[in-house]
Amino acid sequence: MKGTYLGEFEELVLLVIGVLNDNAYSISIKEELKERTGRNPSIGALHSALNRLAEKGFISSKEGGATKARGGRRKRFYTITSAGRAAAREAHDLRTGLYQALPSLSFKGLSLV
C-alpha cells in the first residue's frame, strides 16, 4: 500500500464510489461527480485518481461481464476497501474538527458555527 494521504479530488472520487455502490464504473463516477460537484473531470484525470486510490489500497476493482452494447468490452467496477472507509472517516473527522474549531464566522449572512 502506497501512502495514506487522501487528496481532495481522490476524496471526492472515493465518496462517489461509495454513493454509487455496485454501479461504480468510470463513466458513472464521472457523471455523478459532475452532477454532485459541478466538476467535469477528464476521463484521464479520473483514471489517474482511480489508479492512485487503488495503489493506496483504498479501492479495489473487478471486471464485469462483456456486453454486446459495449462491443464485447467489459466494465471495470470499483468498490471501497476497509482501508478506504477508514481513510474517508479520518478525512471527515479532520474536516469536522477543523470546522468546529473555527471562530464564529459569517459569510453572506450565513453562520458557519
PDB file of N, CA and C in Angstrom:
ATOM      1  N   MET A   1       0.839  -1.171   0.000  1.00  0.00           N
ATOM      2  CA  MET A   1       0.000   0.000   0.000  1.00  0.00           C
ATOM      3  C   MET A   1       0.883   1.232   0.000  1.00  0.00           C
ATOM      4  N   LYS A   2       0.602   2.159  -0.897  1.00  0.00           N
ATOM      5  CA  LYS A   2       1.357   3.400  -1.005  1.00  0.00           C
ATOM      6  C   LYS A   2       1.065   4.274   0.205  1.00  0.00           C
ATOM      7  N   GLY A   3       1.183   5.581   0.102  1.00  0.00           N
ATOM      8  CA  GLY A   3       0.897   6.490   1.203  1.00  0.00           C
ATOM      9  C   GLY A   3      -0.572   6.494   1.564  1.00  0.00           C
ATOM     10  N   THR A   4      -0.866   7.086   2.711  1.00  0.00           N
ATOM     11  CA  THR A   4      -2.257   7.122   3.154  1.00  0.00           C
ATOM     12  C   THR A   4      -2.885   8.494   2.998  1.00  0.00           C
ATOM     13  N   TYR A   5      -2.149   9.448   2.429  1.00  0.00           N
ATOM     14  CA  TYR A   5      -2.703  10.779   2.223  1.00  0.00           C
ATOM     15  C   TYR A   5      -3.824  10.700   1.195  1.00  0.00           C
ATOM     16  N   LEU A   6      -4.932  11.354   1.490  1.00  0.00           N
ATOM     17  CA  LEU A   6      -6.081  11.365   0.599  1.00  0.00           C
ATOM     18  C   LEU A   6      -6.261  12.783   0.074  1.00  0.00           C
ATOM     19  N   GLY A   7      -5.959  12.987  -1.218  1.00  0.00           N
ATOM     20  CA  GLY A   7      -6.117  14.295  -1.830  1.00  0.00           C
ATOM     21  C   GLY A   7      -7.592  14.658  -1.974  1.00  0.00           C
ATOM     22  N   GLU A   8      -7.868  15.929  -2.191  1.00  0.00           N
ATOM     23  CA  GLU A   8      -9.254  16.413  -2.259  1.00  0.00           C
ATOM     24  C   GLU A   8     -10.040  15.748  -3.391  1.00  0.00           C
ATOM     25  N   PHE A   9      -9.469  15.661  -4.586  1.00  0.00           N
ATOM     26  CA  PHE A   9     -10.173  15.026  -5.691  1.00  0.00           C
ATOM     27  C   PHE A   9     -10.311  13.527  -5.444  1.00  0.00           C
ATOM     28  N   GLU A  10      -9.266  12.914  -4.889  1.00  0.00           N
ATOM     29  CA  GLU A  10      -9.340  11.497  -4.547  1.00  0.00           C
ATOM     30  C   GLU A  10     -10.460  11.242  -3.535  1.00  0.00           C
ATOM     31  N   GLU A  11     -10.584  12.141  -2.567  1.00  0.00           N
ATOM     32  CA  GLU A  11     -11.639  12.001  -1.563  1.00  0.00           C
ATOM     33  C   GLU A  11     -13.018  12.048  -2.223  1.00  0.00           C
ATOM     34  N   LEU A  12     -13.212  12.979  -3.142  1.00  0.00           N
ATOM     35  CA  LEU A  12     -14.483  13.064  -3.855  1.00  0.00           C
ATOM     36  C   LEU A  12     -14.759  11.789  -4.648  1.00  0.00           C
ATOM     37  N   VAL A  13     -13.755  11.296  -5.354  1.00  0.00           N
ATOM     38  CA  VAL A  13     -13.921  10.066  -6.132  1.00  0.00           C
ATOM     39  C   VAL A  13     -14.255   8.902  -5.208  1.00  0.00           C
ATOM     40  N   LEU A  14     -13.560   8.792  -4.097  1.00  0.00           N
ATOM     41  CA  LEU A  14     -13.816   7.726  -3.134  1.00  0.00           C
ATOM     42  C   LEU A  14     -15.255   7.790  -2.617  1.00  0.00           C
ATOM     43  N   LEU A  15     -15.709   8.985  -2.276  1.00  0.00           N
ATOM     44  CA  LEU A  15     -17.072   9.143  -1.771  1.00  0.00           C
ATOM     45  C   LEU A  15     -18.111   8.806  -2.836  1.00  0.00           C
ATOM     46  N   VAL A  16     -17.850   9.218  -4.071  1.00  0.00           N
ATOM     47  CA  VAL A  16     -18.783   8.914  -5.157  1.00  0.00           C
ATOM     48  C   VAL A  16     -18.854   7.402  -5.402  1.00  0.00           C
ATOM     49  N   ILE A  17     -17.732   6.714  -5.302  1.00  0.00           N
ATOM     50  CA  ILE A  17     -17.751   5.259  -5.434  1.00  0.00           C
ATOM     51  C   ILE A  17     -18.672   4.665  -4.365  1.00  0.00           C
ATOM     52  N   GLY A  18     -18.590   5.193  -3.164  1.00  0.00           N
ATOM     53  CA  GLY A  18     -19.471   4.728  -2.092  1.00  0.00           C
ATOM     54  C   GLY A  18     -20.935   5.022  -2.380  1.00  0.00           C
ATOM     55  N   VAL A  19     -21.210   6.188  -2.912  1.00  0.00           N
ATOM     56  CA  VAL A  19     -22.592   6.567  -3.246  1.00  0.00           C
ATOM     57  C   VAL A  19     -23.154   5.653  -4.328  1.00  0.00           C
ATOM     58  N   LEU A  20     -22.345   5.368  -5.339  1.00  0.00           N
ATOM     59  CA  LEU A  20     -22.802   4.546  -6.460  1.00  0.00           C
ATOM     60  C   LEU A  20     -22.899   3.064  -6.108  1.00  0.00           C
ATOM     61  N   ASN A  21     -22.195   2.660  -5.062  1.00  0.00           N
ATOM     62  CA  ASN A  21     -22.227   1.287  -4.572  1.00  0.00           C
ATOM     63  C   ASN A  21     -21.869   0.290  -5.673  1.00  0.00           C
ATOM     64  N   ASP A  22     -22.765  -0.574  -6.068  1.00  0.00           N
ATOM     65  CA  ASP A  22     -22.449  -1.624  -7.043  1.00  0.00           C
ATOM     66  C   ASP A  22     -22.419  -1.126  -8.480  1.00  0.00           C
ATOM     67  N   ASN A  23     -22.713   0.143  -8.705  1.00  0.00           N
ATOM     68  CA  ASN A  23     -22.758   0.682 -10.065  1.00  0.00           C
ATOM     69  C   ASN A  23     -21.619   1.678 -10.308  1.00  0.00           C
ATOM     70  N   ALA A  24     -20.512   1.528  -9.603  1.00  0.00           N
ATOM     71  CA  ALA A  24     -19.389   2.452  -9.712  1.00  0.00           C
ATOM     72  C   ALA A  24     -18.398   1.994 -10.777  1.00  0.00           C
ATOM     73  N   TYR A  25     -18.515   2.531 -11.967  1.00  0.00           N
ATOM     74  CA  TYR A  25     -17.534   2.319 -13.026  1.00  0.00           C
ATOM     75  C   TYR A  25     -17.185   3.702 -13.566  1.00  0.00           C
ATOM     76  N   SER A  26     -16.148   3.828 -14.364  1.00  0.00           N
ATOM     77  CA  SER A  26     -15.581   5.143 -14.671  1.00  0.00           C
ATOM     78  C   SER A  26     -16.603   6.157 -15.188  1.00  0.00           C
ATOM     79  N   ILE A  27     -17.470   5.785 -16.118  1.00  0.00           N
ATOM     80  CA  ILE A  27     -18.416   6.757 -16.674  1.00  0.00           C
ATOM     81  C   ILE A  27     -19.454   7.156 -15.638  1.00  0.00           C
ATOM     82  N   SER A  28     -19.957   6.198 -14.857  1.00  0.00           N
ATOM     83  CA  SER A  28     -20.948   6.549 -13.833  1.00  0.00           C
ATOM     84  C   SER A  28     -20.315   7.425 -12.753  1.00  0.00           C
ATOM     85  N   ILE A  29     -19.054   7.175 -12.423  1.00  0.00           N
ATOM     86  CA  ILE A  29     -18.346   8.009 -11.440  1.00  0.00           C
ATOM     87  C   ILE A  29     -18.207   9.421 -11.984  1.00  0.00           C
ATOM     88  N   LYS A  30     -17.787   9.549 -13.236  1.00  0.00           N
ATOM     89  CA  LYS A  30     -17.617  10.858 -13.883  1.00  0.00           C
ATOM     90  C   LYS A  30     -18.935  11.628 -13.893  1.00  0.00           C
ATOM     91  N   GLU A  31     -20.025  10.955 -14.257  1.00  0.00           N
ATOM     92  CA  GLU A  31     -21.337  11.611 -14.310  1.00  0.00           C
ATOM     93  C   GLU A  31     -21.820  12.035 -12.926  1.00  0.00           C
ATOM     94  N   GLU A  32     -21.605  11.183 -11.932  1.00  0.00           N
ATOM     95  CA  GLU A  32     -22.018  11.511 -10.563  1.00  0.00           C
ATOM     96  C   GLU A  32     -21.198  12.673 -10.011  1.00  0.00           C
ATOM     97  N   LEU A  33     -19.903  12.707 -10.314  1.00  0.00           N
ATOM     98  CA  LEU A  33     -19.071  13.834  -9.905  1.00  0.00           C
ATOM     99  C   LEU A  33     -19.593  15.138 -10.510  1.00  0.00           C
ATOM    100  N   LYS A  34     -19.925  15.095 -11.788  1.00  0.00           N
ATOM    101  CA  LYS A  34     -20.428  16.288 -12.463  1.00  0.00           C
ATOM    102  C   LYS A  34     -21.750  16.741 -11.853  1.00  0.00           C
ATOM    103  N   GLU A  35     -22.643  15.797 -11.595  1.00  0.00           N
ATOM    104  CA  GLU A  35     -23.952  16.132 -11.045  1.00  0.00           C
ATOM    105  C   GLU A  35     -23.848  16.698  -9.630  1.00  0.00           C
ATOM    106  N   ARG A  36     -23.015  16.091  -8.805  1.00  0.00           N
ATOM    107  CA  ARG A  36     -22.949  16.491  -7.400  1.00  0.00           C
ATOM    108  C   ARG A  36     -22.016  17.663  -7.120  1.00  0.00           C
ATOM    109  N   THR A  37     -20.985  17.847  -7.950  1.00  0.00           N
ATOM    110  CA  THR A  37     -19.989  18.889  -7.652  1.00  0.00           C
ATOM    111  C   THR A  37     -19.913  19.986  -8.707  1.00  0.00           C
ATOM    112  N   GLY A  38     -20.479  19.738  -9.872  1.00  0.00           N
ATOM    113  CA  GLY A  38     -20.350  20.705 -10.964  1.00  0.00           C
ATOM    114  C   GLY A  38     -19.036  20.568 -11.710  1.00  0.00           C
ATOM    115  N   ARG A  39     -18.184  19.690 -11.255  1.00  0.00           N
ATOM    116  CA  ARG A  39     -16.912  19.441 -11.932  1.00  0.00           C
ATOM    117  C   ARG A  39     -17.125  18.442 -13.059  1.00  0.00           C
ATOM    118  N   ASN A  40     -16.359  18.593 -14.121  1.00  0.00           N
ATOM    119  CA  ASN A  40     -16.424  17.654 -15.227  1.00  0.00           C
ATOM    120  C   ASN A  40     -15.004  17.194 -15.551  1.00  0.00           C
ATOM    121  N   PRO A  41     -14.479  16.285 -14.727  1.00  0.00           N
ATOM    122  CA  PRO A  41     -13.082  15.877 -14.928  1.00  0.00           C
ATOM    123  C   PRO A  41     -12.918  15.088 -16.225  1.00  0.00           C
ATOM    124  N   SER A  42     -11.745  15.198 -16.800  1.00  0.00           N
ATOM    125  CA  SER A  42     -11.464  14.371 -17.974  1.00  0.00           C
ATOM    126  C   SER A  42     -11.405  12.916 -17.526  1.00  0.00           C
ATOM    127  N   ILE A  43     -11.644  12.025 -18.452  1.00  0.00           N
ATOM    128  CA  ILE A  43     -11.593  10.602 -18.120  1.00  0.00           C
ATOM    129  C   ILE A  43     -10.174  10.215 -17.701  1.00  0.00           C
ATOM    130  N   GLY A  44      -9.162  10.893 -18.269  1.00  0.00           N
ATOM    131  CA  GLY A  44      -7.775  10.637 -17.893  1.00  0.00           C
ATOM    132  C   GLY A  44      -7.496  11.027 -16.452  1.00  0.00           C
ATOM    133  N   ALA A  45      -8.005  12.192 -16.031  1.00  0.00           N
ATOM    134  CA  ALA A  45      -7.820  12.636 -14.641  1.00  0.00           C
ATOM    135  C   ALA A  45      -8.520  11.678 -13.684  1.00  0.00           C
ATOM    136  N   LEU A  46      -9.700  11.228 -14.074  1.00  0.00           N
ATOM    137  CA  LEU A  46     -10.436  10.284 -13.238  1.00  0.00           C
ATOM    138  C   LEU A  46      -9.676   8.970 -13.118  1.00  0.00           C
ATOM    139  N   HIS A  47      -9.176   8.447 -14.233  1.00  0.00           N
ATOM    140  CA  HIS A  47      -8.432   7.186 -14.183  1.00  0.00           C
ATOM    141  C   HIS A  47      -7.149   7.326 -13.372  1.00  0.00           C
ATOM    142  N   SER A  48      -6.509   8.483 -13.428  1.00  0.00           N
ATOM    143  CA  SER A  48      -5.319   8.710 -12.597  1.00  0.00           C
ATOM    144  C   SER A  48      -5.675   8.636 -11.116  1.00  0.00           C
ATOM    145  N   ALA A  49      -6.797   9.276 -10.742  1.00  0.00           N
ATOM    146  CA  ALA A  49      -7.235   9.235  -9.345  1.00  0.00           C
ATOM    147  C   ALA A  49      -7.604   7.804  -8.937  1.00  0.00           C
ATOM    148  N   LEU A  50      -8.295   7.087  -9.810  1.00  0.00           N
ATOM    149  CA  LEU A  50      -8.652   5.696  -9.515  1.00  0.00           C
ATOM    150  C   LEU A  50      -7.399   4.843  -9.320  1.00  0.00           C
ATOM    151  N   ASN A  51      -6.399   5.050 -10.160  1.00  0.00           N
ATOM    152  CA  ASN A  51      -5.138   4.302 -10.026  1.00  0.00           C
ATOM    153  C   ASN A  51      -4.443   4.633  -8.715  1.00  0.00           C
ATOM    154  N   ARG A  52      -4.419   5.922  -8.331  1.00  0.00           N
ATOM    155  CA  ARG A  52      -3.787   6.313  -7.065  1.00  0.00           C
ATOM    156  C   ARG A  52      -4.534   5.692  -5.879  1.00  0.00           C
ATOM    157  N   LEU A  53      -5.873   5.725  -5.931  1.00  0.00           N
ATOM    158  CA  LEU A  53      -6.665   5.136  -4.846  1.00  0.00           C
ATOM    159  C   LEU A  53      -6.415   3.633  -4.740  1.00  0.00           C
ATOM    160  N   ALA A  54      -6.283   2.969  -5.878  1.00  0.00           N
ATOM    161  CA  ALA A  54      -6.003   1.530  -5.876  1.00  0.00           C
ATOM    162  C   ALA A  54      -4.606   1.252  -5.318  1.00  0.00           C
ATOM    163  N   GLU A  55      -3.613   2.059  -5.714  1.00  0.00           N
ATOM    164  CA  GLU A  55      -2.239   1.880  -5.218  1.00  0.00           C
ATOM    165  C   GLU A  55      -2.171   2.056  -3.705  1.00  0.00           C
ATOM    166  N   LYS A  56      -3.009   2.952  -3.170  1.00  0.00           N
ATOM    167  CA  LYS A  56      -3.039   3.201  -1.728  1.00  0.00           C
ATOM    168  C   LYS A  56      -3.855   2.147  -0.989  1.00  0.00           C
ATOM    169  N   GLY A  57      -4.517   1.284  -1.727  1.00  0.00           N
ATOM    170  CA  GLY A  57      -5.314   0.243  -1.103  1.00  0.00           C
ATOM    171  C   GLY A  57      -6.693   0.709  -0.664  1.00  0.00           C
ATOM    172  N   PHE A  58      -7.146   1.868  -1.157  1.00  0.00           N
ATOM    173  CA  PHE A  58      -8.427   2.436  -0.740  1.00  0.00           C
ATOM    174  C   PHE A  58      -9.601   1.927  -1.560  1.00  0.00           C
ATOM    175  N   ILE A  59      -9.336   1.401  -2.756  1.00  0.00           N
ATOM    176  CA  ILE A  59     -10.384   0.824  -3.588  1.00  0.00           C
ATOM    177  C   ILE A  59      -9.871  -0.467  -4.201  1.00  0.00           C
ATOM    178  N   SER A  60     -10.804  -1.305  -4.594  1.00  0.00           N
ATOM    179  CA  SER A  60     -10.463  -2.483  -5.388  1.00  0.00           C
ATOM    180  C   SER A  60     -11.371  -2.460  -6.605  1.00  0.00           C
ATOM    181  N   SER A  61     -11.041  -3.282  -7.590  1.00  0.00           N
ATOM    182  CA  SER A  61     -11.855  -3.297  -8.800  1.00  0.00           C
ATOM    183  C   SER A  61     -11.987  -4.706  -9.323  1.00  0.00           C
ATOM    184  N   LYS A  62     -13.026  -4.887 -10.111  1.00  0.00           N
ATOM    185  CA  LYS A  62     -13.221  -6.172 -10.796  1.00  0.00           C
ATOM    186  C   LYS A  62     -13.916  -5.880 -12.118  1.00  0.00           C
ATOM    187  N   GLU A  63     -13.669  -6.761 -13.077  1.00  0.00           N
ATOM    188  CA  GLU A  63     -14.301  -6.597 -14.381  1.00  0.00           C
ATOM    189  C   GLU A  63     -15.673  -7.236 -14.379  1.00  0.00           C
ATOM    190  N   GLY A  64     -16.624  -6.526 -14.995  1.00  0.00           N
ATOM    191  CA  GLY A  64     -17.953  -7.084 -15.182  1.00  0.00           C
ATOM    192  C   GLY A  64     -17.962  -7.910 -16.455  1.00  0.00           C
ATOM    193  N   GLY A  65     -19.107  -8.452 -16.775  1.00  0.00           N
ATOM    194  CA  GLY A  65     -19.234  -9.265 -17.976  1.00  0.00           C
ATOM    195  C   GLY A  65     -19.212  -8.420 -19.243  1.00  0.00           C
ATOM    196  N   ALA A  66     -18.753  -9.003 -20.334  1.00  0.00           N
ATOM    197  CA  ALA A  66     -18.743  -8.325 -21.625  1.00  0.00           C
ATOM    198  C   ALA A  66     -20.176  -8.222 -22.136  1.00  0.00           C
ATOM    199  N   THR A  67     -20.480  -7.097 -22.796  1.00  0.00           N
ATOM    200  CA  THR A  67     -21.825  -6.915 -23.330  1.00  0.00           C
ATOM    201  C   THR A  67     -21.757  -6.562 -24.811  1.00  0.00           C
ATOM    202  N   LYS A  68     -22.800  -6.933 -25.513  1.00  0.00           N
ATOM    203  CA  LYS A  68     -22.900  -6.612 -26.931  1.00  0.00           C
ATOM    204  C   LYS A  68     -22.958  -5.098 -27.132  1.00  0.00           C
ATOM    205  N   ALA A  69     -23.681  -4.416 -26.222  1.00  0.00           N
ATOM    206  CA  ALA A  69     -23.837  -2.959 -26.322  1.00  0.00           C
ATOM    207  C   ALA A  69     -22.489  -2.242 -26.236  1.00  0.00           C
ATOM    208  N   ARG A  70     -21.519  -2.836 -25.572  1.00  0.00           N
ATOM    209  CA  ARG A  70     -20.185  -2.236 -25.432  1.00  0.00           C
ATOM    210  C   ARG A  70     -19.194  -2.856 -26.398  1.00  0.00           C
ATOM    211  N   GLY A  71     -19.681  -3.501 -27.422  1.00  0.00           N
ATOM    212  CA  GLY A  71     -18.789  -4.097 -28.409  1.00  0.00           C
ATOM    213  C   GLY A  71     -17.951  -5.228 -27.843  1.00  0.00           C
ATOM    214  N   GLY A  72     -18.471  -5.939 -26.852  1.00  0.00           N
ATOM    215  CA  GLY A  72     -17.743  -7.041 -26.244  1.00  0.00           C
ATOM    216  C   GLY A  72     -16.783  -6.618 -25.148  1.00  0.00           C
ATOM    217  N   ARG A  73     -16.709  -5.319 -24.885  1.00  0.00           N
ATOM    218  CA  ARG A  73     -15.806  -4.848 -23.822  1.00  0.00           C
ATOM    219  C   ARG A  73     -16.466  -4.989 -22.454  1.00  0.00           C
ATOM    220  N   ARG A  74     -15.624  -5.076 -21.447  1.00  0.00           N
ATOM    221  CA  ARG A  74     -16.100  -5.208 -20.067  1.00  0.00           C
ATOM    222  C   ARG A  74     -15.986  -3.871 -19.337  1.00  0.00           C
ATOM    223  N   LYS A  75     -16.886  -3.653 -18.381  1.00  0.00           N
ATOM    224  CA  LYS A  75     -16.775  -2.500 -17.486  1.00  0.00           C
ATOM    225  C   LYS A  75     -15.929  -2.918 -16.292  1.00  0.00           C
ATOM    226  N   ARG A  76     -15.150  -1.976 -15.760  1.00  0.00           N
ATOM    227  CA  ARG A  76     -14.408  -2.219 -14.528  1.00  0.00           C
ATOM    228  C   ARG A  76     -15.175  -1.531 -13.407  1.00  0.00           C
ATOM    229  N   PHE A  77     -15.608  -2.315 -12.429  1.00  0.00           N
ATOM    230  CA  PHE A  77     -16.376  -1.805 -11.298  1.00  0.00           C
ATOM    231  C   PHE A  77     -15.468  -1.617 -10.085  1.00  0.00           C
ATOM    232  N   TYR A  78     -15.698  -0.535  -9.347  1.00  0.00           N
ATOM    233  CA  TYR A  78     -14.854  -0.168  -8.207  1.00  0.00           C
ATOM    234  C   TYR A  78     -15.648  -0.253  -6.910  1.00  0.00           C
ATOM    235  N   THR A  79     -14.969  -0.688  -5.860  1.00  0.00           N
ATOM    236  CA  THR A  79     -15.557  -0.713  -4.521  1.00  0.00           C
ATOM    237  C   THR A  79     -14.540  -0.167  -3.524  1.00  0.00           C
ATOM    238  N   ILE A  80     -15.061   0.366  -2.433  1.00  0.00           N
ATOM    239  CA  ILE A  80     -14.205   0.903  -1.374  1.00  0.00           C
ATOM    240  C   ILE A  80     -13.763  -0.256  -0.481  1.00  0.00           C
ATOM    241  N   THR A  81     -12.495  -0.277  -0.134  1.00  0.00           N
ATOM    242  CA  THR A  81     -11.963  -1.289   0.784  1.00  0.00           C
ATOM    243  C   THR A  81     -12.133  -0.799   2.223  1.00  0.00           C
ATOM    244  N   SER A  82     -11.842  -1.654   3.173  1.00  0.00           N
ATOM    245  CA  SER A  82     -11.911  -1.228   4.581  1.00  0.00           C
ATOM    246  C   SER A  82     -10.899  -0.109   4.850  1.00  0.00           C
ATOM    247  N   ALA A  83      -9.741  -0.159   4.202  1.00  0.00           N
ATOM    248  CA  ALA A  83      -8.749   0.921   4.351  1.00  0.00           C
ATOM    249  C   ALA A  83      -9.299   2.221   3.758  1.00  0.00           C
ATOM    250  N   GLY A  84     -10.042   2.126   2.659  1.00  0.00           N
ATOM    251  CA  GLY A  84     -10.659   3.305   2.056  1.00  0.00           C
ATOM    252  C   GLY A  84     -11.726   3.899   2.945  1.00  0.00           C
ATOM    253  N   ARG A  85     -12.518   3.038   3.587  1.00  0.00           N
ATOM    254  CA  ARG A  85     -13.540   3.523   4.524  1.00  0.00           C
ATOM    255  C   ARG A  85     -12.875   4.247   5.696  1.00  0.00           C
ATOM    256  N   ALA A  86     -11.779   3.671   6.180  1.00  0.00           N
ATOM    257  CA  ALA A  86     -11.064   4.296   7.295  1.00  0.00           C
ATOM    258  C   ALA A  86     -10.487   5.643   6.878  1.00  0.00           C
ATOM    259  N   ALA A  87      -9.933   5.726   5.671  1.00  0.00           N
ATOM    260  CA  ALA A  87      -9.370   6.993   5.182  1.00  0.00           C
ATOM    261  C   ALA A  87     -10.461   8.054   5.023  1.00  0.00           C
ATOM    262  N   ALA A  88     -11.630   7.653   4.517  1.00  0.00           N
ATOM    263  CA  ALA A  88     -12.742   8.595   4.363  1.00  0.00           C
ATOM    264  C   ALA A  88     -13.226   9.076   5.731  1.00  0.00           C
ATOM    265  N   ARG A  89     -13.292   8.161   6.683  1.00  0.00           N
ATOM    266  CA  ARG A  89     -13.716   8.516   8.041  1.00  0.00           C
ATOM    267  C   ARG A  89     -12.719   9.492   8.670  1.00  0.00           C
ATOM    268  N   GLU A  90     -11.425   9.229   8.488  1.00  0.00           N
ATOM    269  CA  GLU A  90     -10.398  10.121   9.037  1.00  0.00           C
ATOM    270  C   GLU A  90     -10.481  11.507   8.404  1.00  0.00           C
ATOM    271  N   ALA A  91     -10.683  11.569   7.085  1.00  0.00           N
ATOM    272  CA  ALA A  91     -10.813  12.861   6.399  1.00  0.00           C
ATOM    273  C   ALA A  91     -12.038  13.609   6.912  1.00  0.00           C
ATOM    274  N   HIS A  92     -13.137  12.903   7.102  1.00  0.00           N
ATOM    275  CA  HIS A  92     -14.360  13.521   7.629  1.00  0.00           C
ATOM    276  C   HIS A  92     -14.123  14.058   9.037  1.00  0.00           C
ATOM    277  N   ASP A  93     -13.516  13.250   9.888  1.00  0.00           N
ATOM    278  CA  ASP A  93     -13.250  13.657  11.265  1.00  0.00           C
ATOM    279  C   ASP A  93     -12.329  14.875  11.316  1.00  0.00           C
ATOM    280  N   LEU A  94     -11.310  14.886  10.469  1.00  0.00           N
ATOM    281  CA  LEU A  94     -10.391  16.014  10.418  1.00  0.00           C
ATOM    282  C   LEU A  94     -11.127  17.288  10.022  1.00  0.00           C
ATOM    283  N   ARG A  95     -11.904  17.224   8.935  1.00  0.00           N
ATOM    284  CA  ARG A  95     -12.644  18.398   8.476  1.00  0.00           C
ATOM    285  C   ARG A  95     -13.662  18.865   9.513  1.00  0.00           C
ATOM    286  N   THR A  96     -14.376  17.926  10.119  1.00  0.00           N
ATOM    287  CA  THR A  96     -15.377  18.281  11.130  1.00  0.00           C
ATOM    288  C   THR A  96     -14.705  18.985  12.304  1.00  0.00           C
ATOM    289  N   GLY A  97     -13.578  18.441  12.753  1.00  0.00           N
ATOM    290  CA  GLY A  97     -12.850  19.067  13.852  1.00  0.00           C
ATOM    291  C   GLY A  97     -12.380  20.474  13.521  1.00  0.00           C
ATOM    292  N   LEU A  98     -11.917  20.660  12.281  1.00  0.00           N
ATOM    293  CA  LEU A  98     -11.469  21.996  11.880  1.00  0.00           C
ATOM    294  C   LEU A  98     -12.638  22.969  11.811  1.00  0.00           C
ATOM    295  N   TYR A  99     -13.770  22.538  11.265  1.00  0.00           N
ATOM    296  CA  TYR A  99     -14.948  23.410  11.206  1.00  0.00           C
ATOM    297  C   TYR A  99     -15.421  23.773  12.615  1.00  0.00           C
ATOM    298  N   GLN A 100     -15.383  22.811  13.517  1.00  0.00           N
ATOM    299  CA  GLN A 100     -15.820  23.071  14.886  1.00  0.00           C
ATOM    300  C   GLN A 100     -14.863  23.999  15.622  1.00  0.00           C
ATOM    301  N   ALA A 101     -13.596  24.017  15.207  1.00  0.00           N
ATOM    302  CA  ALA A 101     -12.605  24.871  15.843  1.00  0.00           C
ATOM    303  C   ALA A 101     -12.613  26.292  15.301  1.00  0.00           C
ATOM    304  N   LEU A 102     -13.325  26.523  14.197  1.00  0.00           N
ATOM    305  CA  LEU A 102     -13.384  27.868  13.633  1.00  0.00           C
ATOM    306  C   LEU A 102     -14.069  28.824  14.598  1.00  0.00           C
ATOM    307  N   PRO A 103     -13.533  30.039  14.717  1.00  0.00           N
ATOM    308  CA  PRO A 103     -14.290  31.029  15.486  1.00  0.00           C
ATOM    309  C   PRO A 103     -15.566  31.338  14.704  1.00  0.00           C
ATOM    310  N   SER A 104     -16.523  31.878  15.366  1.00  0.00           N
ATOM    311  CA  SER A 104     -17.799  32.180  14.719  1.00  0.00           C
ATOM    312  C   SER A 104     -17.552  33.096  13.529  1.00  0.00           C
ATOM    313  N   LEU A 105     -17.801  32.571  12.327  1.00  0.00           N
ATOM    314  CA  LEU A 105     -17.615  33.327  11.094  1.00  0.00           C
ATOM    315  C   LEU A 105     -18.946  33.447  10.375  1.00  0.00           C
ATOM    316  N   SER A 106     -19.053  34.470   9.587  1.00  0.00           N
ATOM    317  CA  SER A 106     -20.283  34.661   8.839  1.00  0.00           C
ATOM    318  C   SER A 106     -19.937  34.963   7.397  1.00  0.00           C
ATOM    319  N   PHE A 107     -20.582  34.286   6.459  1.00  0.00           N
ATOM    320  CA  PHE A 107     -20.414  34.528   5.046  1.00  0.00           C
ATOM    321  C   PHE A 107     -21.759  34.848   4.448  1.00  0.00           C
ATOM    322  N   LYS A 108     -21.925  36.070   3.933  1.00  0.00           N
ATOM    323  CA  LYS A 108     -23.192  36.497   3.326  1.00  0.00           C
ATOM    324  C   LYS A 108     -24.363  36.220   4.251  1.00  0.00           C
ATOM    325  N   GLY A 109     -24.185  36.512   5.522  1.00  0.00           N
ATOM    326  CA  GLY A 109     -25.267  36.343   6.476  1.00  0.00           C
ATOM    327  C   GLY A 109     -25.442  34.933   6.997  1.00  0.00           C
ATOM    328  N   LEU A 110     -24.644  33.976   6.507  1.00  0.00           N
ATOM    329  CA  LEU A 110     -24.760  32.591   6.981  1.00  0.00           C
ATOM    330  C   LEU A 110     -23.655  32.320   7.988  1.00  0.00           C
ATOM    331  N   SER A 111     -24.017  31.819   9.116  1.00  0.00           N
ATOM    332  CA  SER A 111     -23.030  31.493  10.137  1.00  0.00           C
ATOM    333  C   SER A 111     -22.551  30.059   9.946  1.00  0.00           C
ATOM    334  N   LEU A 112     -21.234  29.849  10.038  1.00  0.00           N
ATOM    335  CA  LEU A 112     -20.670  28.503   9.948  1.00  0.00           C
ATOM    336  C   LEU A 112     -20.751  27.787  11.280  1.00  0.00           C
ATOM    337  N   VAL A 113     -20.724  28.540  12.348  1.00  0.00           N
ATOM    338  CA  VAL A 113     -20.723  27.917  13.676  1.00  0.00           C
ATOM    339  C   VAL A 113     -21.889  28.414  14.468  1.00  0.00           C
TER     340      VAL A 113
END
